C-alpha atoms as a PDB file:
ATOM      1  CA  LEU A   1       0.000   0.000   0.000  1.00  0.00           C
ATOM      2  CA  ALA A   2       2.888   2.363   0.748  1.00  0.00           C
ATOM      3  CA  ILE A   3       3.900   2.185  -2.909  1.00  0.00           C
ATOM      4  CA  ALA A   4       0.581   1.406  -4.616  1.00  0.00           C
ATOM      5  CA  LEU A   5      -1.429   4.322  -3.242  1.00  0.00           C
ATOM      6  CA  PRO A   6       1.049   7.068  -4.219  1.00  0.00           C
ATOM      7  CA  TYR A   7       1.533   5.402  -7.617  1.00  0.00           C
ATOM      8  CA  TYR A   8      -2.225   5.300  -8.166  1.00  0.00           C
ATOM      9  CA  GLY A   9      -2.454   8.936  -7.084  1.00  0.00           C
ATOM     10  CA  TRP A  10       0.257   9.829  -9.596  1.00  0.00           C
ATOM     11  CA  LEU A  11      -1.662   8.033 -12.361  1.00  0.00           C
ATOM     12  CA  TRP A  12      -5.074   9.402 -11.278  1.00  0.00           C
ATOM     13  CA  PRO A  13      -5.155  12.529 -13.493  1.00  0.00           C
ATOM     14  CA  HIS A  14      -4.538  10.377 -16.576  1.00  0.00           C
ATOM     15  CA  LEU A  15      -7.038   7.573 -15.894  1.00  0.00           C
ATOM     16  CA  GLY A  16     -10.270   9.319 -16.880  1.00  0.00           C
ATOM     17  CA  ALA A  17     -13.215   6.905 -16.968  1.00  0.00           C
ATOM     18  CA  LEU A  18     -10.894   4.046 -15.962  1.00  0.00           C
ATOM     19  CA  ALA A  19     -10.109   5.553 -12.542  1.00  0.00           C
ATOM     20  CA  LEU A  20     -12.539   3.302 -10.652  1.00  0.00           C
ATOM     21  CA  PRO A  21     -11.694   0.025 -12.456  1.00  0.00           C
ATOM     22  CA  VAL A  22      -7.968   0.713 -12.139  1.00  0.00           C
ATOM     23  CA  GLY A  23      -8.439   1.542  -8.459  1.00  0.00           C
ATOM     24  CA  VAL A  24     -10.280  -1.729  -7.854  1.00  0.00           C
ATOM     25  CA  TYR A  25      -7.560  -3.617  -9.728  1.00  0.00           C
ATOM     26  CA  VAL A  26      -4.844  -1.930  -7.673  1.00  0.00           C
ATOM     27  CA  GLY A  27      -6.645  -3.058  -4.531  1.00  0.00           C
ATOM     28  CA  VAL A  28      -6.928  -6.634  -5.776  1.00  0.00           C
ATOM     29  CA  ILE A  29      -3.306  -6.903  -6.869  1.00  0.00           C
ATOM     30  CA  VAL A  30      -2.060  -5.375  -3.602  1.00  0.00           C
ATOM     31  CA  LEU A  31      -4.137  -7.936  -1.708  1.00  0.00           C
ATOM     32  CA  MET A  32      -2.669 -10.709  -3.870  1.00  0.00           C
ATOM     33  CA  ALA A  33       0.886  -9.524  -3.216  1.00  0.00           C
ATOM     34  CA  TRP A  34       0.223  -9.206   0.524  1.00  0.00           C
ATOM     35  CA  GLN A  35      -1.118 -12.760   0.663  1.00  0.00           C
ATOM     36  CA  ALA A  36       1.811 -14.079  -1.371  1.00  0.00           C
ATOM     37  CA  TRP A  37       4.352 -12.460   0.954  1.00  0.00           C
ATOM     38  CA  ALA A  38       2.468 -13.779   3.989  1.00  0.00           C
ATOM     39  CA  LEU A  39       2.707 -17.268   2.484  1.00  0.00           C
ATOM     40  CA  GLN A  40       6.377 -16.730   1.742  1.00  0.00           C
ATOM     41  CA  LEU A  41       7.068 -15.860   5.355  1.00  0.00           C
ATOM     42  CA  ASN A  42       5.037 -18.734   6.800  1.00  0.00           C
ATOM     43  CA  ALA A  43       5.367 -21.780   4.563  1.00  0.00           C
ATOM     44  CA  TRP A  44       7.521 -23.551   2.036  1.00  0.00           C
ATOM     45  CA  PRO A  45       7.636 -23.138  -1.003  1.00  0.00           C
ATOM     46  CA  GLY A  46       6.904 -19.514  -0.258  1.00  0.00           C
ATOM     47  CA  SER A  47      10.412 -18.303  -0.994  1.00  0.00           C
ATOM     48  CA  ARG A  48       9.490 -17.939  -4.648  1.00  0.00           C
ATOM     49  CA  ILE A  49       5.838 -16.974  -4.320  1.00  0.00           C
ATOM     50  CA  GLY A  50       6.392 -13.536  -2.773  1.00  0.00           C
ATOM     51  CA  VAL A  51       8.991 -12.659  -5.380  1.00  0.00           C
ATOM     52  CA  ALA A  52       6.667 -13.884  -8.146  1.00  0.00           C
ATOM     53  CA  ALA A  53       3.812 -11.735  -6.835  1.00  0.00           C
ATOM     54  CA  SER A  54       6.115  -8.722  -6.689  1.00  0.00           C
ATOM     55  CA  LEU A  55       7.114  -9.319 -10.306  1.00  0.00           C
ATOM     56  CA  PHE A  56       3.424  -9.396 -11.296  1.00  0.00           C
ATOM     57  CA  VAL A  57       2.849  -6.117  -9.461  1.00  0.00           C
ATOM     58  CA  PHE A  58       5.890  -4.574 -11.130  1.00  0.00           C
ATOM     59  CA  SER A  59       4.749  -5.804 -14.548  1.00  0.00           C
ATOM     60  CA  ASP A  60       1.310  -4.263 -14.024  1.00  0.00           C
ATOM     61  CA  ALA A  61       2.875  -1.022 -12.795  1.00  0.00           C
ATOM     62  CA  VAL A  62       4.881  -0.826 -16.018  1.00  0.00           C
ATOM     63  CA  ILE A  63       1.724  -1.483 -18.045  1.00  0.00           C
ATOM     64  CA  ALA A  64       0.000   1.403 -16.244  1.00  0.00           C
ATOM     65  CA  LEU A  65       3.005   3.687 -16.667  1.00  0.00           C
ATOM     66  CA  ASN A  66       3.238   2.899 -20.365  1.00  0.00           C
ATOM     67  CA  LYS A  67      -0.505   3.241 -21.009  1.00  0.00           C
ATOM     68  CA  PHE A  68      -1.484   6.190 -18.844  1.00  0.00           C
ATOM     69  CA  GLN A  69       1.562   8.278 -17.965  1.00  0.00           C
ATOM     70  CA  ALA A  70       4.747   7.960 -20.032  1.00  0.00           C
ATOM     71  CA  PRO A  71       4.898   5.473 -22.913  1.00  0.00           C
ATOM     72  CA  PHE A  72       8.388   4.145 -23.590  1.00  0.00           C
ATOM     73  CA  ASP A  73       9.932   1.863 -26.196  1.00  0.00           C
ATOM     74  CA  LEU A  74      11.140  -0.978 -23.976  1.00  0.00           C
ATOM     75  CA  ALA A  75       7.903  -1.281 -22.007  1.00  0.00           C
ATOM     76  CA  GLY A  76       6.765  -4.398 -23.855  1.00  0.00           C
ATOM     77  CA  LEU A  77      10.039  -6.197 -23.237  1.00  0.00           C
ATOM     78  CA  LEU A  78      10.121  -5.219 -19.564  1.00  0.00           C
ATOM     79  CA  ILE A  79       6.496  -6.282 -19.102  1.00  0.00           C
ATOM     80  CA  LEU A  80       7.030  -9.674 -20.738  1.00  0.00           C
ATOM     81  CA  VAL A  81      10.264 -10.429 -18.895  1.00  0.00           C
ATOM     82  CA  THR A  82       8.801  -9.668 -15.478  1.00  0.00           C
ATOM     83  CA  TYR A  83       5.471 -11.371 -16.235  1.00  0.00           C
ATOM     84  CA  TRP A  84       7.006 -14.612 -17.512  1.00  0.00           C
ATOM     85  CA  SER A  85       9.587 -14.611 -14.725  1.00  0.00           C
ATOM     86  CA  ALA A  86       6.706 -14.454 -12.245  1.00  0.00           C
ATOM     87  CA  ILE A  87       4.949 -17.349 -13.952  1.00  0.00           C
ATOM     88  CA  ALA A  88       8.166 -19.396 -13.965  1.00  0.00           C
ATOM     89  CA  LEU A  89       8.677 -18.785 -10.234  1.00  0.00           C
ATOM     90  CA  LEU A  90       5.092 -19.764  -9.447  1.00  0.00           C
ATOM     91  CA  ALA A  91       5.355 -22.919 -11.548  1.00  0.00           C
ATOM     92  CA  ASP A  92       8.673 -23.789  -9.925  1.00  0.00           C
ATOM     93  CA  SER A  93       7.225 -23.344  -6.459  1.00  0.00           C
ATOM     94  CA  VAL A  94       4.360 -25.732  -7.240  1.00  0.00           C
ATOM     95  CA  TRP A  95       6.582 -28.237  -9.023  1.00  0.00           C
ATOM     96  CA  GLY A  96       9.140 -28.187  -6.236  1.00  0.00           C
ATOM     97  CA  GLU A  97       6.495 -28.710  -3.561  1.00  0.00           C
ATOM     98  CA  GLY A  98       5.142 -31.769  -5.356  1.00  0.00           C
ATOM     99  CA  GLU A  99       8.614 -33.314  -5.459  1.00  0.00           C
ATOM    100  CA  ARG A 100       9.093 -32.727  -1.727  1.00  0.00           C
ATOM    101  CA  LEU A 101       5.789 -34.419  -0.919  1.00  0.00           C
ATOM    102  CA  ALA A 102       6.511 -37.533  -2.993  1.00  0.00           C
END
């Protein structure tokens, strides 16, 4: 919240009719990240889940920056790298847990 709320406030003047949906989405993704970090701190294989959630949040922040505030050329690459890295970490955490339980 300490980062998401100021970031949303910075984007606010550029959101127009999307201000409410973007605000709801920010709330949902912050909740997701909070839950992921709570899992990371309390259970294995959490060590990768919190980082993965943070990469998703970062990816979405870059999408918002590129769409609403300051488009830049490498946005697509940065979004894809962070998004797919997050997916890889989530998949690895699930795969690794299954191996430990076997």
